[in-house]
Amino acid sequence: MRLKKIISLYSVLLCLVIIFSGCESRQAGTAEVAWQYDYDAAVAAATNSNKPLFIVFSASWCPPCKQMKKYTFSKQSVKEYLEEHFIPVYVDTDKNPQLANQFGANAIPTYLILKPDQPNQITFGGFYDVDEFLRRLESGLASLNSRT
């Protein structure tokens, strides 16, 4: 009888740990980037705000794209940096292959930093953790600004 009580107590504790740890992981550090999905509207917004575009070429089936969404784009620091310095644009290459071809995004994920009125662009790709991704954004922005 005593063993049954101990097992029941551990079961309840385990359930509570699972429930509360699940709540924390959904809330801690989760952010949503305010992506633009319409390229033409994003170009207009970039022109009006005098901010460069940050374009991500991605697809729902792509493993590194899923990792970027889960581990990098979901972080508050990345959201804030992207929204402060860029007009962030999300392009699903399955739905908009013409735009991917226009910019030469032959592999995904591919990231572009560019100003709509200039031919120069910064291109990089793949999965990056938060710190490396922010370094890439800062470096790309500095490089783009030095070319103008």
C-alpha atoms as a PDB file:
ATOM      1  CA  MET A   1       0.000   0.000   0.000  1.00  0.00           C
ATOM      2  CA  ARG A   2       2.816   2.393   0.864  1.00  0.00           C
ATOM      3  CA  LEU A   3       4.510   1.726  -2.495  1.00  0.00           C
ATOM      4  CA  LYS A   4       1.261   2.607  -4.258  1.00  0.00           C
ATOM      5  CA  LYS A   5       1.127   5.996  -2.465  1.00  0.00           C
ATOM      6  CA  ILE A   6       4.735   6.757  -3.343  1.00  0.00           C
ATOM      7  CA  ILE A   7       4.149   5.898  -7.014  1.00  0.00           C
ATOM      8  CA  SER A   8       1.012   8.045  -7.043  1.00  0.00           C
ATOM      9  CA  LEU A   9       2.854  10.967  -5.463  1.00  0.00           C
ATOM     10  CA  TYR A  10       5.714  10.712  -7.971  1.00  0.00           C
ATOM     11  CA  SER A  11       3.205  10.512 -10.822  1.00  0.00           C
ATOM     12  CA  VAL A  12       1.488  13.694  -9.663  1.00  0.00           C
ATOM     13  CA  LEU A  13       4.826  15.483  -9.224  1.00  0.00           C
ATOM     14  CA  LEU A  14       5.992  14.363 -12.662  1.00  0.00           C
ATOM     15  CA  CYS A  15       2.777  15.631 -14.244  1.00  0.00           C
ATOM     16  CA  LEU A  16       3.183  18.999 -12.518  1.00  0.00           C
ATOM     17  CA  VAL A  17       6.796  19.298 -13.671  1.00  0.00           C
ATOM     18  CA  ILE A  18       5.804  18.496 -17.249  1.00  0.00           C
ATOM     19  CA  ILE A  19       2.904  20.959 -17.195  1.00  0.00           C
ATOM     20  CA  PHE A  20       4.899  23.840 -15.722  1.00  0.00           C
ATOM     21  CA  SER A  21       8.027  23.266 -17.805  1.00  0.00           C
ATOM     22  CA  GLY A  22       5.860  23.275 -20.934  1.00  0.00           C
ATOM     23  CA  CYS A  23       4.378  26.625 -19.945  1.00  0.00           C
ATOM     24  CA  GLU A  24       7.807  28.146 -19.413  1.00  0.00           C
ATOM     25  CA  SER A  25       9.191  26.998 -22.739  1.00  0.00           C
ATOM     26  CA  ARG A  26       6.251  28.452 -24.636  1.00  0.00           C
ATOM     27  CA  GLN A  27       6.539  31.818 -22.904  1.00  0.00           C
ATOM     28  CA  ALA A  28      10.245  32.376 -22.264  1.00  0.00           C
ATOM     29  CA  GLY A  29      11.951  34.332 -24.996  1.00  0.00           C
ATOM     30  CA  THR A  30       9.223  33.860 -27.559  1.00  0.00           C
ATOM     31  CA  ALA A  31       8.641  36.708 -29.976  1.00  0.00           C
ATOM     32  CA  GLU A  32       7.038  37.145 -33.377  1.00  0.00           C
ATOM     33  CA  VAL A  33       8.795  39.215 -36.018  1.00  0.00           C
ATOM     34  CA  ALA A  34       6.353  41.528 -37.819  1.00  0.00           C
ATOM     35  CA  TRP A  35       7.065  40.023 -41.233  1.00  0.00           C
ATOM     36  CA  GLN A  36       5.866  41.623 -44.437  1.00  0.00           C
ATOM     37  CA  TYR A  37       4.620  39.003 -46.879  1.00  0.00           C
ATOM     38  CA  ASP A  38       3.922  41.353 -49.782  1.00  0.00           C
ATOM     39  CA  TYR A  39       7.190  42.343 -51.429  1.00  0.00           C
ATOM     40  CA  ASP A  40       5.821  45.443 -53.178  1.00  0.00           C
ATOM     41  CA  ALA A  41       4.278  46.738 -49.951  1.00  0.00           C
ATOM     42  CA  ALA A  42       7.570  46.079 -48.166  1.00  0.00           C
ATOM     43  CA  VAL A  43       9.493  48.073 -50.790  1.00  0.00           C
ATOM     44  CA  ALA A  44       7.069  50.971 -50.313  1.00  0.00           C
ATOM     45  CA  ALA A  45       7.471  50.764 -46.523  1.00  0.00           C
ATOM     46  CA  ALA A  46      11.278  50.662 -46.852  1.00  0.00           C
ATOM     47  CA  THR A  47      11.250  53.684 -49.141  1.00  0.00           C
ATOM     48  CA  ASN A  48       8.960  55.647 -46.807  1.00  0.00           C
ATOM     49  CA  SER A  49      10.910  54.738 -43.662  1.00  0.00           C
ATOM     50  CA  ASN A  50      14.375  54.962 -45.256  1.00  0.00           C
ATOM     51  CA  LYS A  51      15.167  51.496 -43.882  1.00  0.00           C
ATOM     52  CA  PRO A  52      16.730  48.659 -45.854  1.00  0.00           C
ATOM     53  CA  LEU A  53      14.878  45.436 -46.512  1.00  0.00           C
ATOM     54  CA  PHE A  54      15.813  42.225 -44.759  1.00  0.00           C
ATOM     55  CA  ILE A  55      14.445  39.396 -46.891  1.00  0.00           C
ATOM     56  CA  VAL A  56      14.399  35.764 -45.828  1.00  0.00           C
ATOM     57  CA  PHE A  57      13.756  33.152 -48.501  1.00  0.00           C
ATOM     58  CA  SER A  58      12.360  30.092 -46.775  1.00  0.00           C
ATOM     59  CA  ALA A  59       9.975  27.135 -47.066  1.00  0.00           C
ATOM     60  CA  SER A  60       7.838  25.213 -44.601  1.00  0.00           C
ATOM     61  CA  TRP A  61       9.567  21.891 -45.341  1.00  0.00           C
ATOM     62  CA  CYS A  62      13.157  23.179 -44.942  1.00  0.00           C
ATOM     63  CA  PRO A  63      14.927  21.881 -41.756  1.00  0.00           C
ATOM     64  CA  PRO A  64      17.357  24.825 -41.285  1.00  0.00           C
ATOM     65  CA  CYS A  65      14.455  27.227 -41.935  1.00  0.00           C
ATOM     66  CA  LYS A  66      12.470  25.542 -39.171  1.00  0.00           C
ATOM     67  CA  GLN A  67      15.483  25.826 -36.853  1.00  0.00           C
ATOM     68  CA  MET A  68      15.812  29.546 -37.614  1.00  0.00           C
ATOM     69  CA  LYS A  69      12.132  30.056 -36.848  1.00  0.00           C
ATOM     70  CA  LYS A  70      12.280  28.080 -33.606  1.00  0.00           C
ATOM     71  CA  TYR A  71      15.660  29.105 -32.193  1.00  0.00           C
ATOM     72  CA  THR A  72      16.552  32.464 -33.736  1.00  0.00           C
ATOM     73  CA  PHE A  73      13.621  34.415 -35.172  1.00  0.00           C
ATOM     74  CA  SER A  74      11.586  33.634 -32.043  1.00  0.00           C
ATOM     75  CA  LYS A  75      13.938  35.564 -29.754  1.00  0.00           C
ATOM     76  CA  GLN A  76      13.052  39.058 -28.565  1.00  0.00           C
ATOM     77  CA  SER A  77      16.528  40.455 -29.304  1.00  0.00           C
ATOM     78  CA  VAL A  78      16.314  39.327 -32.948  1.00  0.00           C
ATOM     79  CA  LYS A  79      12.756  40.635 -33.329  1.00  0.00           C
ATOM     80  CA  GLU A  80      13.729  44.023 -31.922  1.00  0.00           C
ATOM     81  CA  TYR A  81      16.871  44.337 -34.039  1.00  0.00           C
ATOM     82  CA  LEU A  82      15.093  43.363 -37.254  1.00  0.00           C
ATOM     83  CA  GLU A  83      12.154  45.687 -36.664  1.00  0.00           C
ATOM     84  CA  GLU A  84      14.322  48.625 -35.558  1.00  0.00           C
ATOM     85  CA  HIS A  85      16.796  48.503 -38.442  1.00  0.00           C
ATOM     86  CA  PHE A  86      14.932  46.842 -41.329  1.00  0.00           C
ATOM     87  CA  ILE A  87      11.638  46.162 -43.005  1.00  0.00           C
ATOM     88  CA  PRO A  88      11.587  42.359 -42.514  1.00  0.00           C
ATOM     89  CA  VAL A  89      10.173  40.394 -45.457  1.00  0.00           C
ATOM     90  CA  TYR A  90       9.344  36.685 -45.457  1.00  0.00           C
ATOM     91  CA  VAL A  91       9.233  34.955 -48.845  1.00  0.00           C
ATOM     92  CA  ASP A  92       7.981  31.383 -49.103  1.00  0.00           C
ATOM     93  CA  THR A  93       9.894  30.087 -52.110  1.00  0.00           C
ATOM     94  CA  ASP A  94       7.209  27.500 -52.859  1.00  0.00           C
ATOM     95  CA  LYS A  95       4.579  30.225 -53.143  1.00  0.00           C
ATOM     96  CA  ASN A  96       6.776  32.876 -54.773  1.00  0.00           C
ATOM     97  CA  PRO A  97       9.551  31.187 -56.797  1.00  0.00           C
ATOM     98  CA  GLN A  98       9.757  34.153 -59.192  1.00  0.00           C
ATOM     99  CA  LEU A  99      10.989  36.469 -56.432  1.00  0.00           C
ATOM    100  CA  ALA A 100      13.528  33.882 -55.265  1.00  0.00           C
ATOM    101  CA  ASN A 101      14.800  33.581 -58.848  1.00  0.00           C
ATOM    102  CA  GLN A 102      14.904  37.362 -59.253  1.00  0.00           C
ATOM    103  CA  PHE A 103      17.308  37.624 -56.311  1.00  0.00           C
ATOM    104  CA  GLY A 104      19.247  34.429 -57.046  1.00  0.00           C
ATOM    105  CA  ALA A 105      18.118  32.645 -53.893  1.00  0.00           C
ATOM    106  CA  ASN A 106      19.012  29.153 -55.107  1.00  0.00           C
ATOM    107  CA  ALA A 107      19.284  27.589 -51.632  1.00  0.00           C
ATOM    108  CA  ILE A 108      17.248  28.134 -48.485  1.00  0.00           C
ATOM    109  CA  PRO A 109      17.304  29.735 -46.119  1.00  0.00           C
ATOM    110  CA  THR A 110      18.861  32.695 -47.902  1.00  0.00           C
ATOM    111  CA  TYR A 111      18.932  36.178 -46.367  1.00  0.00           C
ATOM    112  CA  LEU A 112      19.289  39.463 -48.236  1.00  0.00           C
ATOM    113  CA  ILE A 113      19.937  42.945 -46.928  1.00  0.00           C
ATOM    114  CA  LEU A 114      19.328  45.630 -49.510  1.00  0.00           C
ATOM    115  CA  LYS A 115      18.001  49.088 -50.163  1.00  0.00           C
ATOM    116  CA  PRO A 116      15.243  49.175 -52.785  1.00  0.00           C
ATOM    117  CA  ASP A 117      16.839  52.022 -54.741  1.00  0.00           C
ATOM    118  CA  GLN A 118      20.363  50.558 -54.917  1.00  0.00           C
ATOM    119  CA  PRO A 119      21.820  47.569 -56.759  1.00  0.00           C
ATOM    120  CA  ASN A 120      24.072  46.483 -53.870  1.00  0.00           C
ATOM    121  CA  GLN A 121      22.931  43.664 -51.639  1.00  0.00           C
ATOM    122  CA  ILE A 122      24.367  41.593 -48.808  1.00  0.00           C
ATOM    123  CA  THR A 123      23.615  37.865 -49.068  1.00  0.00           C
ATOM    124  CA  PHE A 124      24.147  35.056 -46.572  1.00  0.00           C
ATOM    125  CA  GLY A 125      22.391  31.811 -45.744  1.00  0.00           C
ATOM    126  CA  GLY A 126      21.967  28.857 -43.437  1.00  0.00           C
ATOM    127  CA  PHE A 127      21.190  28.394 -39.762  1.00  0.00           C
ATOM    128  CA  TYR A 128      22.688  30.778 -37.173  1.00  0.00           C
ATOM    129  CA  ASP A 129      22.255  30.964 -33.434  1.00  0.00           C
ATOM    130  CA  VAL A 130      21.043  34.278 -32.019  1.00  0.00           C
ATOM    131  CA  ASP A 131      24.456  35.817 -31.327  1.00  0.00           C
ATOM    132  CA  GLU A 132      25.954  34.929 -34.699  1.00  0.00           C
ATOM    133  CA  PHE A 133      22.810  36.004 -36.537  1.00  0.00           C
ATOM    134  CA  LEU A 134      22.824  39.414 -34.822  1.00  0.00           C
ATOM    135  CA  ARG A 135      26.526  39.788 -35.710  1.00  0.00           C
ATOM    136  CA  ARG A 136      25.695  38.981 -39.340  1.00  0.00           C
ATOM    137  CA  LEU A 137      22.885  41.547 -39.366  1.00  0.00           C
ATOM    138  CA  GLU A 138      25.104  44.249 -37.834  1.00  0.00           C
ATOM    139  CA  SER A 139      27.951  43.487 -40.225  1.00  0.00           C
ATOM    140  CA  GLY A 140      25.627  43.388 -43.234  1.00  0.00           C
ATOM    141  CA  LEU A 141      24.008  46.673 -42.295  1.00  0.00           C
ATOM    142  CA  ALA A 142      27.399  48.361 -41.786  1.00  0.00           C
ATOM    143  CA  SER A 143      28.630  47.004 -45.117  1.00  0.00           C
ATOM    144  CA  LEU A 144      25.511  48.144 -46.944  1.00  0.00           C
ATOM    145  CA  ASN A 145      25.751  51.623 -45.427  1.00  0.00           C
ATOM    146  CA  SER A 146      29.435  51.913 -46.359  1.00  0.00           C
ATOM    147  CA  ARG A 147      28.567  51.280 -50.019  1.00  0.00           C
ATOM    148  CA  THR A 148      26.157  54.215 -50.228  1.00  0.00           C
END
